[in-house]
Amino acid sequence: MTVLHNAKKLKLFVTKIQNEVELNEKYYLCINYEHQKKQV
């Protein structure tokens, strides 16, 4: 029971991190895009 519960919590935690990483990547891509537009 506890092992399964911990596995679920870990999966949620990992998913949360993956979502944050994806958001950060999109954020940096947007920043780079804006930066490149200014240089042109």
C-alpha atoms as a PDB file:
ATOM      1  CA  MET A   1       0.000   0.000   0.000  1.00  0.00           C
ATOM      2  CA  THR A   2       2.633   2.538   1.044  1.00  0.00           C
ATOM      3  CA  VAL A   3       4.961   1.540  -1.796  1.00  0.00           C
ATOM      4  CA  LEU A   4       2.209   2.121  -4.340  1.00  0.00           C
ATOM      5  CA  HIS A   5       1.319   5.393  -2.649  1.00  0.00           C
ATOM      6  CA  ASN A   6       4.949   6.548  -2.759  1.00  0.00           C
ATOM      7  CA  ALA A   7       5.219   5.528  -6.412  1.00  0.00           C
ATOM      8  CA  LYS A   8       2.173   7.639  -7.245  1.00  0.00           C
ATOM      9  CA  LYS A   9       3.601  10.607  -5.357  1.00  0.00           C
ATOM     10  CA  LEU A  10       6.940  10.190  -7.116  1.00  0.00           C
ATOM     11  CA  LYS A  11       5.234  10.020 -10.504  1.00  0.00           C
ATOM     12  CA  LEU A  12       3.316  13.227  -9.771  1.00  0.00           C
ATOM     13  CA  PHE A  13       6.533  14.869  -8.619  1.00  0.00           C
ATOM     14  CA  VAL A  14       8.402  13.813 -11.775  1.00  0.00           C
ATOM     15  CA  THR A  15       5.529  14.958 -13.987  1.00  0.00           C
ATOM     16  CA  LYS A  16       5.508  18.317 -12.220  1.00  0.00           C
ATOM     17  CA  ILE A  17       9.241  18.749 -12.820  1.00  0.00           C
ATOM     18  CA  GLN A  18       8.885  17.773 -16.480  1.00  0.00           C
ATOM     19  CA  ASN A  19       6.108  20.335 -16.922  1.00  0.00           C
ATOM     20  CA  GLU A  20       8.236  23.038 -15.296  1.00  0.00           C
ATOM     21  CA  VAL A  21      11.194  22.145 -17.510  1.00  0.00           C
ATOM     22  CA  GLU A  22       8.995  22.368 -20.605  1.00  0.00           C
ATOM     23  CA  LEU A  23       7.683  25.755 -19.500  1.00  0.00           C
ATOM     24  CA  ASN A  24      11.230  26.981 -18.887  1.00  0.00           C
ATOM     25  CA  GLU A  25      12.328  25.796 -22.330  1.00  0.00           C
ATOM     26  CA  LYS A  26       9.411  27.599 -23.990  1.00  0.00           C
ATOM     27  CA  TYR A  27      10.179  30.697 -21.934  1.00  0.00           C
ATOM     28  CA  TYR A  28      13.834  30.718 -22.990  1.00  0.00           C
ATOM     29  CA  LEU A  29      12.896  30.069 -26.625  1.00  0.00           C
ATOM     30  CA  CYS A  30      10.595  33.103 -26.517  1.00  0.00           C
ATOM     31  CA  ILE A  31      13.327  35.242 -24.945  1.00  0.00           C
ATOM     32  CA  ASN A  32      15.863  34.130 -27.563  1.00  0.00           C
ATOM     33  CA  TYR A  33      13.354  34.799 -30.322  1.00  0.00           C
ATOM     34  CA  GLU A  34      12.673  38.310 -29.036  1.00  0.00           C
ATOM     35  CA  HIS A  35      16.408  38.909 -28.657  1.00  0.00           C
ATOM     36  CA  GLN A  36      17.114  37.788 -32.223  1.00  0.00           C
ATOM     37  CA  LYS A  37      14.326  40.002 -33.576  1.00  0.00           C
ATOM     38  CA  LYS A  38      15.923  43.036 -31.904  1.00  0.00           C
ATOM     39  CA  GLN A  39      19.323  42.253 -33.422  1.00  0.00           C
ATOM     40  CA  VAL A  40      17.962  42.122 -36.965  1.00  0.00           C
END
